[in-house]
Amino acid sequence: MSPQVEKITHDEQLRAAYKIREKVFVVEQGVDPLDEYDEHEKESSHFIAYLKGEAVGTARWRVTPKGIKLERFAVLKSARGKGVGQALVDAVLKDIHATPGTAGKTKYLHAQLTAVPLYAKFGFEKVGEVFEECAILHYKMQLAK
């Protein structure tokens, strides 16, 4: 069964997305909850991924002064390797392209080292050197034009 991704439209979905982020980032990776949840929650477009009816992944995107930032991609450990991450990236990119005012803006993200190959499949390329964010190594990646 392939993953299903939906744009979040109600509070129940958003609560499920926050629980996924808490399990992946706060519990598993040790990110401080104050760093995980930020002032950009309300302005972001959020997504949730389901596998066999269970919420297993999430992501969001938002407009920034530098372009469009894709972020907070999280997949529960039990669902990794099952196409959830790919389905999320695909859905987020399709939503961005369907949103008025996004054409021509730089699409970028901060990829944890283990996720670089996933984003590369969609045409993202590393920009600059590796850096640390929340005590985790990342590369800035940008969608090739």
C-alpha atoms as a PDB file:
ATOM      1  CA  MET A   1       0.000   0.000   0.000  1.00  0.00           C
ATOM      2  CA  SER A   2       1.417   3.380  -0.967  1.00  0.00           C
ATOM      3  CA  PRO A   3       1.450   6.423   1.303  1.00  0.00           C
ATOM      4  CA  GLN A   4      -1.336   8.994   1.067  1.00  0.00           C
ATOM      5  CA  VAL A   5      -0.471  12.648   1.697  1.00  0.00           C
ATOM      6  CA  GLU A   6      -2.962  15.361   2.551  1.00  0.00           C
ATOM      7  CA  LYS A   7      -2.637  19.077   3.096  1.00  0.00           C
ATOM      8  CA  ILE A   8      -3.628  19.717   6.695  1.00  0.00           C
ATOM      9  CA  THR A   9      -6.995  21.437   6.948  1.00  0.00           C
ATOM     10  CA  HIS A  10      -8.104  20.861  10.542  1.00  0.00           C
ATOM     11  CA  ASP A  11      -6.752  20.840  14.086  1.00  0.00           C
ATOM     12  CA  GLU A  12      -6.899  17.060  14.542  1.00  0.00           C
ATOM     13  CA  GLN A  13      -4.516  16.566  11.618  1.00  0.00           C
ATOM     14  CA  LEU A  14      -2.209  19.301  12.913  1.00  0.00           C
ATOM     15  CA  ARG A  15      -2.101  17.683  16.377  1.00  0.00           C
ATOM     16  CA  ALA A  16      -1.157  14.368  14.727  1.00  0.00           C
ATOM     17  CA  ALA A  17       1.608  16.131  12.763  1.00  0.00           C
ATOM     18  CA  TYR A  18       2.959  17.721  15.950  1.00  0.00           C
ATOM     19  CA  LYS A  19       3.012  14.297  17.655  1.00  0.00           C
ATOM     20  CA  ILE A  20       5.055  12.884  14.764  1.00  0.00           C
ATOM     21  CA  ARG A  21       7.499  15.798  14.959  1.00  0.00           C
ATOM     22  CA  GLU A  22       7.802  15.349  18.709  1.00  0.00           C
ATOM     23  CA  LYS A  23       8.573  11.618  18.356  1.00  0.00           C
ATOM     24  CA  VAL A  24      11.109  12.113  15.563  1.00  0.00           C
ATOM     25  CA  PHE A  25      12.828  15.380  16.433  1.00  0.00           C
ATOM     26  CA  VAL A  26      12.415  15.824  20.193  1.00  0.00           C
ATOM     27  CA  VAL A  27      12.472  12.233  21.473  1.00  0.00           C
ATOM     28  CA  GLU A  28      14.548  10.405  18.837  1.00  0.00           C
ATOM     29  CA  GLN A  29      16.954  13.187  17.812  1.00  0.00           C
ATOM     30  CA  GLY A  30      17.087  15.219  21.019  1.00  0.00           C
ATOM     31  CA  VAL A  31      15.968  18.561  19.588  1.00  0.00           C
ATOM     32  CA  ASP A  32      14.846  21.063  22.228  1.00  0.00           C
ATOM     33  CA  PRO A  33      11.031  21.483  21.969  1.00  0.00           C
ATOM     34  CA  LEU A  34      11.570  25.264  22.057  1.00  0.00           C
ATOM     35  CA  ASP A  35      13.542  24.944  18.812  1.00  0.00           C
ATOM     36  CA  GLU A  36      11.100  22.517  17.203  1.00  0.00           C
ATOM     37  CA  TYR A  37       7.930  24.584  17.493  1.00  0.00           C
ATOM     38  CA  ASP A  38       8.318  28.139  16.274  1.00  0.00           C
ATOM     39  CA  GLU A  39       6.600  31.347  15.274  1.00  0.00           C
ATOM     40  CA  HIS A  40       6.161  30.062  11.711  1.00  0.00           C
ATOM     41  CA  GLU A  41       3.604  27.337  12.513  1.00  0.00           C
ATOM     42  CA  LYS A  42       0.560  29.452  11.604  1.00  0.00           C
ATOM     43  CA  GLU A  43       1.972  30.885   8.359  1.00  0.00           C
ATOM     44  CA  SER A  44       3.201  27.514   7.055  1.00  0.00           C
ATOM     45  CA  SER A  45       1.345  25.053   4.831  1.00  0.00           C
ATOM     46  CA  HIS A  46       1.405  21.718   6.680  1.00  0.00           C
ATOM     47  CA  PHE A  47       1.057  18.174   5.324  1.00  0.00           C
ATOM     48  CA  ILE A  48       0.420  14.778   6.844  1.00  0.00           C
ATOM     49  CA  ALA A  49       1.189  11.351   5.385  1.00  0.00           C
ATOM     50  CA  TYR A  50      -0.756   8.192   6.112  1.00  0.00           C
ATOM     51  CA  LEU A  51       0.234   4.570   5.646  1.00  0.00           C
ATOM     52  CA  LYS A  52      -2.584   2.029   6.029  1.00  0.00           C
ATOM     53  CA  GLY A  53      -4.693   4.772   7.626  1.00  0.00           C
ATOM     54  CA  GLU A  54      -2.107   5.669  10.285  1.00  0.00           C
ATOM     55  CA  ALA A  55      -0.486   9.112  10.437  1.00  0.00           C
ATOM     56  CA  VAL A  56       3.233   8.407   9.935  1.00  0.00           C
ATOM     57  CA  GLY A  57       4.829  11.515   8.401  1.00  0.00           C
ATOM     58  CA  THR A  58       4.622  15.260   8.158  1.00  0.00           C
ATOM     59  CA  ALA A  59       6.195  18.296   6.490  1.00  0.00           C
ATOM     60  CA  ARG A  60       5.574  21.993   5.955  1.00  0.00           C
ATOM     61  CA  TRP A  61       6.590  24.846   3.651  1.00  0.00           C
ATOM     62  CA  ARG A  62       6.542  28.608   3.951  1.00  0.00           C
ATOM     63  CA  VAL A  63       7.570  31.769   2.165  1.00  0.00           C
ATOM     64  CA  THR A  64      10.711  33.446   3.555  1.00  0.00           C
ATOM     65  CA  PRO A  65      12.742  36.490   2.476  1.00  0.00           C
ATOM     66  CA  LYS A  66      15.103  34.022   0.701  1.00  0.00           C
ATOM     67  CA  GLY A  67      12.389  32.188  -1.227  1.00  0.00           C
ATOM     68  CA  ILE A  68      10.325  29.153  -0.303  1.00  0.00           C
ATOM     69  CA  LYS A  69      11.578  26.934   2.486  1.00  0.00           C
ATOM     70  CA  LEU A  70      10.567  23.290   2.760  1.00  0.00           C
ATOM     71  CA  GLU A  71      11.016  22.040   6.307  1.00  0.00           C
ATOM     72  CA  ARG A  72      10.048  19.829   9.232  1.00  0.00           C
ATOM     73  CA  PHE A  73      10.028  16.623   7.178  1.00  0.00           C
ATOM     74  CA  ALA A  74       9.563  13.820   9.689  1.00  0.00           C
ATOM     75  CA  VAL A  75       8.684  10.142   9.222  1.00  0.00           C
ATOM     76  CA  LEU A  76       8.130   7.739  12.099  1.00  0.00           C
ATOM     77  CA  LYS A  77      10.866   5.117  12.394  1.00  0.00           C
ATOM     78  CA  SER A  78       8.343   2.307  11.735  1.00  0.00           C
ATOM     79  CA  ALA A  79       7.397   3.854   8.371  1.00  0.00           C
ATOM     80  CA  ARG A  80      10.857   4.676   7.017  1.00  0.00           C
ATOM     81  CA  GLY A  81      11.918   3.028   3.780  1.00  0.00           C
ATOM     82  CA  LYS A  82       8.301   2.732   2.613  1.00  0.00           C
ATOM     83  CA  GLY A  83       8.130   5.769   0.312  1.00  0.00           C
ATOM     84  CA  VAL A  84       6.628   8.161   2.860  1.00  0.00           C
ATOM     85  CA  GLY A  85       9.414  10.729   2.567  1.00  0.00           C
ATOM     86  CA  GLN A  86       9.221  10.687  -1.231  1.00  0.00           C
ATOM     87  CA  ALA A  87       5.441  11.071  -1.131  1.00  0.00           C
ATOM     88  CA  LEU A  88       5.774  14.058   1.212  1.00  0.00           C
ATOM     89  CA  VAL A  89       8.400  15.825  -0.925  1.00  0.00           C
ATOM     90  CA  ASP A  90       6.307  15.214  -4.038  1.00  0.00           C
ATOM     91  CA  ALA A  91       3.099  16.546  -2.438  1.00  0.00           C
ATOM     92  CA  VAL A  92       4.828  19.616  -0.989  1.00  0.00           C
ATOM     93  CA  LEU A  93       6.458  20.510  -4.329  1.00  0.00           C
ATOM     94  CA  LYS A  94       3.145  20.068  -6.181  1.00  0.00           C
ATOM     95  CA  ASP A  95       1.401  22.325  -3.661  1.00  0.00           C
ATOM     96  CA  ILE A  96       4.103  24.984  -3.973  1.00  0.00           C
ATOM     97  CA  HIS A  97       3.876  24.931  -7.773  1.00  0.00           C
ATOM     98  CA  ALA A  98       0.068  25.223  -7.593  1.00  0.00           C
ATOM     99  CA  THR A  99       0.206  28.225  -5.245  1.00  0.00           C
ATOM    100  CA  PRO A 100       0.017  31.651  -6.893  1.00  0.00           C
ATOM    101  CA  GLY A 101       3.070  33.834  -6.339  1.00  0.00           C
ATOM    102  CA  THR A 102       5.585  31.012  -5.921  1.00  0.00           C
ATOM    103  CA  ALA A 103       6.848  30.779  -9.503  1.00  0.00           C
ATOM    104  CA  GLY A 104      10.430  31.919  -9.927  1.00  0.00           C
ATOM    105  CA  LYS A 105      11.171  31.892  -6.194  1.00  0.00           C
ATOM    106  CA  THR A 106      14.091  29.848  -4.908  1.00  0.00           C
ATOM    107  CA  LYS A 107      12.993  26.568  -3.309  1.00  0.00           C
ATOM    108  CA  TYR A 108      15.375  25.488  -0.557  1.00  0.00           C
ATOM    109  CA  LEU A 109      15.689  23.412   2.585  1.00  0.00           C
ATOM    110  CA  HIS A 110      18.102  22.387   5.317  1.00  0.00           C
ATOM    111  CA  ALA A 111      18.674  18.655   4.865  1.00  0.00           C
ATOM    112  CA  GLN A 112      19.990  16.362   7.552  1.00  0.00           C
ATOM    113  CA  LEU A 113      22.891  14.405   6.056  1.00  0.00           C
ATOM    114  CA  THR A 114      20.890  11.159   5.926  1.00  0.00           C
ATOM    115  CA  ALA A 115      18.136  12.876   3.918  1.00  0.00           C
ATOM    116  CA  VAL A 116      20.374  14.435   1.236  1.00  0.00           C
ATOM    117  CA  PRO A 117      19.855  11.517  -1.221  1.00  0.00           C
ATOM    118  CA  LEU A 118      16.062  11.811  -0.899  1.00  0.00           C
ATOM    119  CA  TYR A 119      16.022  15.502  -1.798  1.00  0.00           C
ATOM    120  CA  ALA A 120      18.594  14.979  -4.567  1.00  0.00           C
ATOM    121  CA  LYS A 121      16.080  12.662  -6.306  1.00  0.00           C
ATOM    122  CA  PHE A 122      13.839  15.704  -6.724  1.00  0.00           C
ATOM    123  CA  GLY A 123      16.566  17.941  -8.169  1.00  0.00           C
ATOM    124  CA  PHE A 124      17.795  19.613  -4.986  1.00  0.00           C
ATOM    125  CA  GLU A 125      21.529  20.321  -4.927  1.00  0.00           C
ATOM    126  CA  LYS A 126      23.844  21.012  -1.992  1.00  0.00           C
ATOM    127  CA  VAL A 127      24.789  24.665  -1.536  1.00  0.00           C
ATOM    128  CA  GLY A 128      27.802  25.474   0.626  1.00  0.00           C
ATOM    129  CA  GLU A 129      29.383  23.527   3.431  1.00  0.00           C
ATOM    130  CA  VAL A 130      27.882  21.265   6.033  1.00  0.00           C
ATOM    131  CA  PHE A 131      26.568  23.131   9.105  1.00  0.00           C
ATOM    132  CA  GLU A 132      25.062  22.321  12.461  1.00  0.00           C
ATOM    133  CA  GLU A 133      21.464  23.107  13.346  1.00  0.00           C
ATOM    134  CA  CYS A 134      20.007  21.889  16.669  1.00  0.00           C
ATOM    135  CA  ALA A 135      23.178  19.784  17.145  1.00  0.00           C
ATOM    136  CA  ILE A 136      22.464  17.879  13.881  1.00  0.00           C
ATOM    137  CA  LEU A 137      24.601  18.166  10.731  1.00  0.00           C
ATOM    138  CA  HIS A 138      22.830  19.606   7.665  1.00  0.00           C
ATOM    139  CA  TYR A 139      23.425  20.845   4.140  1.00  0.00           C
ATOM    140  CA  LYS A 140      21.500  23.698   2.645  1.00  0.00           C
ATOM    141  CA  MET A 141      19.954  22.361  -0.549  1.00  0.00           C
ATOM    142  CA  GLN A 142      18.329  24.307  -3.338  1.00  0.00           C
ATOM    143  CA  LEU A 143      16.147  23.158  -6.188  1.00  0.00           C
ATOM    144  CA  ALA A 144      18.102  23.419  -9.436  1.00  0.00           C
ATOM    145  CA  LYS A 145      16.431  25.763 -11.892  1.00  0.00           C
END
